Protein backbone atom coordinates (compact mmCIF):
# COMPACT_ATOMS: atom_id res chain seq x y z
CA UNK A 1 2.92 132.44 17.31
CA UNK A 2 3.57 128.89 16.13
CA UNK A 3 7.16 127.74 15.68
CA UNK A 4 9.17 124.54 15.50
CA UNK A 5 11.29 124.09 18.63
CA UNK A 6 14.15 121.67 19.24
CA UNK A 7 14.74 121.08 22.97
CA UNK A 8 17.13 118.14 22.57
CA UNK A 9 19.31 117.11 19.63
CA UNK A 10 18.23 113.91 17.91
CA UNK A 11 16.25 112.40 15.02
CA UNK A 12 13.47 114.27 13.18
CA UNK A 13 10.97 113.51 15.96
CA UNK A 14 12.60 116.22 18.13
CA UNK A 15 11.06 118.87 15.85
CA UNK A 16 8.01 119.97 17.87
CA UNK A 17 5.39 122.58 16.98
CA UNK A 18 4.96 124.95 19.92
CA UNK A 19 3.46 128.30 20.82
CA UNK A 20 6.25 130.82 21.40
CA UNK A 21 6.61 134.55 21.98
CA UNK A 22 6.68 136.78 18.91
CA UNK A 23 10.05 138.42 18.13
CA UNK A 24 10.49 142.19 18.17
CA UNK A 25 12.79 144.16 15.89
CA UNK A 26 15.66 146.02 17.55
CA UNK A 27 17.93 148.56 15.91
CA UNK A 28 19.08 147.35 12.50
CA UNK A 29 16.69 144.39 12.59
CA UNK A 30 13.62 143.27 10.66
CA UNK A 31 10.72 140.98 11.57
CA UNK A 32 9.33 139.05 8.59
CA UNK A 33 5.98 137.25 8.49
CA UNK A 34 6.91 133.93 6.94
CA UNK A 35 4.90 132.63 4.01
CA UNK A 36 7.20 129.65 3.42
CA UNK A 37 10.47 128.42 4.92
CA UNK A 38 13.21 126.56 3.08
CA UNK A 39 14.45 123.20 4.38
CA UNK A 40 18.19 122.64 3.90
CA UNK A 41 20.37 119.60 4.68
CA UNK A 42 22.49 121.65 7.10
CA UNK A 43 19.45 122.01 9.37
CA UNK A 44 19.19 118.24 9.66
CA UNK A 45 22.86 118.04 10.68
CA UNK A 46 22.39 120.71 13.35
CA UNK A 47 19.17 119.08 14.61
CA UNK A 48 20.94 115.73 14.98
CA UNK A 49 23.74 117.27 17.05
CA UNK A 50 26.44 116.13 14.62
CA UNK A 51 27.24 119.56 13.16
CA UNK A 52 30.39 121.38 14.25
CA UNK A 53 28.41 124.38 15.48
CA UNK A 54 25.63 123.63 17.95
CA UNK A 55 23.08 126.34 18.78
CA UNK A 56 21.79 126.96 22.28
CA UNK A 57 18.57 125.10 23.03
CA UNK A 58 15.67 125.55 22.59
CA UNK A 59 16.39 126.24 18.94
CA UNK A 60 14.15 126.99 15.95
CA UNK A 61 15.72 125.83 12.65
CA UNK A 62 15.83 127.68 9.38
CA UNK A 63 17.73 130.44 7.60
CA UNK A 64 15.65 130.82 4.43
CA UNK A 65 12.14 132.18 3.93
CA UNK A 66 9.84 134.08 1.64
CA UNK A 67 7.34 136.46 3.17
CA UNK A 68 6.33 140.02 4.00
CA UNK A 69 8.05 142.53 6.28
CA UNK A 70 6.03 142.82 9.49
CA UNK A 71 8.08 145.53 11.21
CA UNK A 72 11.50 147.19 11.12
CA UNK A 73 13.78 148.52 13.83
CA UNK A 74 15.53 151.83 14.12
CA UNK A 75 17.92 152.67 11.31
CA UNK A 76 16.61 150.14 8.77
CA UNK A 77 16.54 151.68 5.30
CA UNK A 78 16.60 148.80 2.81
CA UNK A 79 13.06 147.48 3.48
CA UNK A 80 9.84 148.66 5.10
CA UNK A 81 6.66 147.10 6.48
CA UNK A 82 4.60 145.44 3.76
CA UNK A 83 7.51 144.70 1.40
CA UNK A 84 7.71 141.26 -0.22
CA UNK A 85 11.10 139.80 0.70
CA UNK A 86 13.23 136.72 0.88
CA UNK A 87 15.31 135.97 3.96
CA UNK A 88 18.91 134.77 3.62
CA UNK A 89 19.84 134.39 7.28
CA UNK A 90 17.77 134.50 10.46
CA UNK A 91 18.47 135.23 14.11
CA UNK A 92 15.42 133.43 15.51
CA UNK A 93 14.86 130.72 12.84
CA UNK A 94 12.46 130.61 9.89
CA UNK A 95 10.43 127.51 10.82
CA UNK A 96 7.97 129.92 12.45
CA UNK A 97 5.15 132.36 11.81
CA UNK A 98 7.52 135.30 12.29
CA UNK A 99 11.29 135.46 12.02
CA UNK A 100 13.78 138.04 13.29
CA UNK A 101 16.66 138.98 10.96
CA UNK A 102 19.48 141.45 10.59
CA UNK A 103 18.40 143.97 7.96
CA UNK A 104 21.24 143.06 5.57
CA UNK A 105 19.92 139.48 5.42
CA UNK A 106 16.53 140.58 4.06
CA UNK A 107 16.21 141.20 0.32
CA UNK A 108 13.47 142.36 -2.04
CA UNK A 109 11.53 139.49 -3.61
CA UNK A 110 10.53 139.96 -7.23
CA UNK A 111 6.79 139.94 -7.93
CA UNK A 112 7.23 137.03 -10.35
CA UNK A 113 8.60 134.81 -7.52
CA UNK A 114 6.25 133.11 -5.04
CA UNK A 115 6.93 132.90 -1.30
CA UNK A 116 7.59 129.16 -1.68
CA UNK A 117 10.15 129.91 -4.40
CA UNK A 118 11.58 132.72 -2.27
CA UNK A 119 12.13 130.18 0.52
CA UNK A 120 14.45 128.34 -1.85
CA UNK A 121 16.73 131.27 -2.61
CA UNK A 122 19.01 132.04 0.37
CA UNK A 123 21.20 129.01 1.05
CA UNK A 124 20.84 127.24 -2.34
CA UNK A 125 21.41 130.23 -4.62
CA UNK A 126 23.89 131.86 -2.25
CA UNK A 127 25.91 128.64 -2.07
CA UNK A 128 25.83 128.18 -5.84
CA UNK A 129 26.95 131.77 -6.40
CA UNK A 130 29.78 131.46 -3.90
CA UNK A 131 30.95 128.18 -5.47
CA UNK A 132 30.83 129.45 -9.05
CA UNK A 133 32.01 133.03 -8.75
CA UNK A 134 33.72 133.59 -5.41
CA UNK A 135 35.50 130.24 -4.91
CA UNK A 136 35.50 128.45 -8.27
CA UNK A 137 36.17 131.51 -10.47
CA UNK A 138 34.38 129.69 -13.28
CA UNK A 139 34.80 131.04 -16.82
CA UNK A 140 32.15 130.92 -19.53
CA UNK A 141 34.46 128.72 -21.61
CA UNK A 142 34.64 126.04 -18.88
CA UNK A 143 33.02 122.63 -18.96
CA UNK A 144 31.49 122.17 -15.51
CA UNK A 145 30.26 118.99 -13.85
CA UNK A 146 27.47 119.60 -11.35
CA UNK A 147 27.61 116.42 -9.30
CA UNK A 148 24.11 116.44 -7.84
CA UNK A 149 22.37 118.78 -10.26
CA UNK A 150 18.77 118.08 -9.26
CA UNK A 151 18.74 119.36 -5.66
CA UNK A 152 18.28 122.95 -4.52
CA UNK A 153 21.93 124.01 -4.86
CA UNK A 154 22.41 121.97 -8.03
CA UNK A 155 19.47 123.59 -9.80
CA UNK A 156 20.67 127.05 -8.78
CA UNK A 157 24.13 126.24 -10.11
CA UNK A 158 22.78 124.88 -13.40
CA UNK A 159 20.75 128.05 -14.01
CA UNK A 160 23.74 130.30 -13.26
CA UNK A 161 26.17 128.27 -15.34
CA UNK A 162 23.87 127.94 -18.35
CA UNK A 163 23.13 131.65 -18.09
CA UNK A 164 26.84 132.51 -18.32
CA UNK A 165 27.41 130.20 -21.31
CA UNK A 166 29.18 127.21 -19.73
CA UNK A 167 28.79 123.70 -21.07
CA UNK A 168 27.26 121.80 -18.15
CA UNK A 169 27.28 118.09 -17.37
CA UNK A 170 24.83 117.21 -14.61
CA UNK A 171 24.20 114.08 -12.57
CA UNK A 172 21.03 113.15 -10.72
CA UNK A 173 19.45 110.14 -9.11
CA UNK A 174 15.98 110.39 -10.65
CA UNK A 175 14.81 110.39 -14.26
CA UNK A 176 12.40 113.23 -13.45
CA UNK A 177 15.20 115.37 -12.06
CA UNK A 178 17.53 114.68 -14.97
CA UNK A 179 14.82 115.60 -17.48
CA UNK A 180 14.18 118.84 -15.59
CA UNK A 181 17.79 120.04 -15.66
CA UNK A 182 18.14 118.92 -19.29
CA UNK A 183 15.27 121.26 -20.11
CA UNK A 184 17.20 124.02 -18.31
CA UNK A 185 20.08 123.62 -20.75
CA UNK A 186 22.35 120.94 -19.28
CA UNK A 187 24.27 119.48 -22.22
CA UNK A 188 24.76 115.96 -20.78
CA UNK A 189 22.69 114.38 -18.01
CA UNK A 190 23.82 111.19 -16.28
CA UNK A 191 22.57 108.87 -13.56
CA UNK A 192 25.24 108.79 -10.86
CA UNK A 193 24.02 105.29 -9.94
CA UNK A 194 25.20 104.07 -13.37
CA UNK A 195 28.47 102.16 -12.90
CA UNK A 196 29.75 103.64 -16.18
CA UNK A 197 28.92 107.30 -15.52
CA UNK A 198 32.60 108.31 -15.06
CA UNK A 199 33.54 106.89 -18.44
CA UNK A 200 30.59 108.72 -19.99
CA UNK A 201 31.79 112.01 -18.53
CA UNK A 202 35.23 111.50 -20.04
CA UNK A 203 33.66 110.53 -23.37
CA UNK A 204 31.56 113.71 -23.30
CA UNK A 205 34.74 115.80 -22.96
CA UNK A 206 36.71 113.90 -25.59
CA UNK A 207 38.95 112.47 -22.87
CA UNK A 208 40.07 115.91 -21.70
CA UNK A 209 38.06 116.06 -18.47
CA UNK A 210 36.13 118.95 -16.95
CA UNK A 211 37.54 122.26 -15.74
CA UNK A 212 35.36 122.51 -12.63
CA UNK A 213 33.32 120.07 -10.53
CA UNK A 214 30.68 121.31 -8.10
CA UNK A 215 30.47 118.46 -5.58
CA UNK A 216 27.42 118.00 -3.33
CA UNK A 217 28.44 114.71 -1.67
CA UNK A 218 32.20 114.65 -1.31
CA UNK A 219 32.35 111.72 1.11
CA UNK A 220 31.05 109.50 -1.70
CA UNK A 221 32.44 111.17 -4.80
CA UNK A 222 35.62 113.15 -4.14
CA UNK A 223 37.98 110.24 -4.79
CA UNK A 224 36.22 109.66 -8.11
CA UNK A 225 36.11 113.35 -9.00
CA UNK A 226 39.84 113.99 -9.22
CA UNK A 227 40.45 111.67 -12.20
CA UNK A 228 37.65 113.48 -14.07
CA UNK A 229 39.45 116.84 -13.99
CA UNK A 230 41.30 118.48 -16.85
CA UNK A 231 44.79 119.81 -16.12
CA UNK A 232 44.54 122.68 -13.63
CA UNK A 233 40.94 121.75 -12.80
CA UNK A 234 39.11 122.40 -9.56
CA UNK A 235 36.71 120.51 -7.32
CA UNK A 236 34.52 122.84 -5.27
CA UNK A 237 33.29 120.89 -2.26
CA UNK A 238 29.80 122.11 -1.39
CA UNK A 239 28.52 119.19 0.69
CA UNK A 240 29.79 116.14 2.55
CA UNK A 241 28.38 113.71 5.10
CA UNK A 242 31.59 112.11 6.32
CA UNK A 243 35.22 111.32 5.56
CA UNK A 244 36.66 110.16 2.27
CA UNK A 245 39.89 108.64 1.01
CA UNK A 246 41.58 110.17 -2.04
CA UNK A 247 44.76 109.43 -3.95
CA UNK A 248 46.86 112.63 -3.88
CA UNK A 249 48.54 111.56 -7.12
CA UNK A 250 45.25 112.21 -8.92
CA UNK A 251 45.55 115.85 -7.87
CA UNK A 252 49.31 116.09 -8.36
CA UNK A 253 49.37 114.83 -11.94
CA UNK A 254 46.68 117.34 -12.94
CA UNK A 255 47.87 120.18 -10.69
CA UNK A 256 44.29 120.17 -9.47
CA UNK A 257 42.72 122.12 -6.60
CA UNK A 258 40.19 121.04 -4.00
CA UNK A 259 38.35 124.09 -2.69
CA UNK A 260 35.92 124.19 0.19
CA UNK A 261 32.72 126.21 -0.18
CA UNK A 262 30.85 127.57 2.85
CA UNK A 263 28.00 129.98 2.21
CA UNK A 264 28.16 131.29 5.77
CA UNK A 265 31.70 132.58 5.19
CA UNK A 266 30.41 135.23 2.76
CA UNK A 267 30.24 138.48 4.69
CA UNK A 268 30.00 142.20 3.97
CA UNK A 269 30.70 143.04 0.34
CA UNK A 270 30.72 139.38 -0.73
CA UNK A 271 27.21 138.88 0.66
CA UNK A 272 26.03 142.17 -0.84
CA UNK A 273 27.47 141.31 -4.27
CA UNK A 274 25.97 137.84 -4.15
CA UNK A 275 22.41 138.92 -3.43
CA UNK A 276 22.51 141.89 -5.79
CA UNK A 277 23.28 139.42 -8.60
CA UNK A 278 20.73 136.86 -7.41
CA UNK A 279 18.03 139.51 -7.10
CA UNK A 280 18.70 140.68 -10.66
CA UNK A 281 18.54 137.08 -11.89
CA UNK A 282 15.20 136.51 -10.17
CA UNK A 283 13.71 139.69 -11.63
CA UNK A 284 14.86 138.85 -15.15
CA UNK A 285 13.65 135.24 -14.91
CA UNK A 286 17.10 133.75 -15.57
CA UNK A 287 16.95 132.32 -12.04
CA UNK A 288 13.78 130.35 -11.26
CA UNK A 289 13.71 128.41 -7.96
CA UNK A 290 12.01 125.04 -8.37
CA UNK A 291 9.82 123.78 -5.51
CA UNK A 292 9.62 120.00 -5.41
CA UNK A 293 7.43 119.43 -2.34
CA UNK A 294 5.62 121.55 0.23
CA UNK A 295 4.87 120.47 3.79
CA UNK A 296 2.86 122.14 6.54
CA UNK A 297 4.91 123.55 9.42
CA UNK A 298 3.58 120.79 11.68
CA UNK A 299 5.13 118.23 9.31
CA UNK A 300 8.69 119.55 9.66
CA UNK A 301 9.91 116.11 10.76
CA UNK A 302 8.68 114.58 7.48
CA UNK A 303 10.35 117.39 5.55
CA UNK A 304 13.67 116.60 7.28
CA UNK A 305 13.33 112.94 6.34
CA UNK A 306 12.57 113.83 2.73
CA UNK A 307 15.42 116.33 2.29
CA UNK A 308 17.91 113.62 3.21
CA UNK A 309 16.21 110.90 1.19
CA UNK A 310 17.79 111.66 -2.19
CA UNK A 311 16.16 111.59 -5.62
CA UNK A 312 15.00 115.19 -5.33
CA UNK A 313 13.95 117.39 -8.22
CA UNK A 314 13.85 120.77 -6.55
CA UNK A 315 13.42 122.44 -3.17
CA UNK A 316 11.51 121.21 -0.12
CA UNK A 317 9.71 123.97 1.76
CA UNK A 318 7.43 124.41 4.75
CA UNK A 319 4.32 126.52 4.19
CA UNK A 320 3.27 128.61 7.17
């Protein structure tokens, strides 16, 4: 089968399309024929060799996919061959024709959701759910700032928050993206390149500040986020590309919390709860993954460049 292989860490050019052996399902495992694979920023960090956890090489990237179950191993009960599924965690990588997964990481994909949309579920919607419900403990009465609302995680968060009745303020770098999330129900949309956007956030809350901030780029924004919080507010750090300097007094005076969010930390019941809720949201149509751009598997290097380029308005996927 065809798969992307990384044989040395480096820039996007190390992503090479190769012919590799097909995986086989062992006990408790599932092989999925990939229709589309999701491209996430974390895969670019791993590929570059700068991520804390480095896989053994050669390595095939990818944890998310939409596709059809090819085969199942002994003891698998939740899916069977021929089922439409989305993958939220892979053993062998999803940038490939077939991917090997633990059975609990494979979930039914609603008929109203395409494989490309399914490829945008696992990490983005799982991360958003963990940030909102399992780490942020957001209430429907909260005003929430989604700082980076137009990317994969941001869109997922917007849909969940609007669905639960929160007032949402969203920032985005492109007019197209801001219009999109406004149509999803975001109350206030702002360009985070606007030098006055912080003042506009405070104006939108009557000077009170927001209860929760979902932060996608903490190395740039965290120091600015703390003064935007209401008393007892929380910043949930979802993404960062480096270090940042903050003034602790901004947290002290508000008795504010900074909470890390790591999708991979959700295990067992947390993972089960998360994907039961996400699956229900997909079936009902409350959750609708947005695909921004699709690339062929051979163009994985271009997809990695694009996912880090900013100005997104949805998910980048590889079609297999």
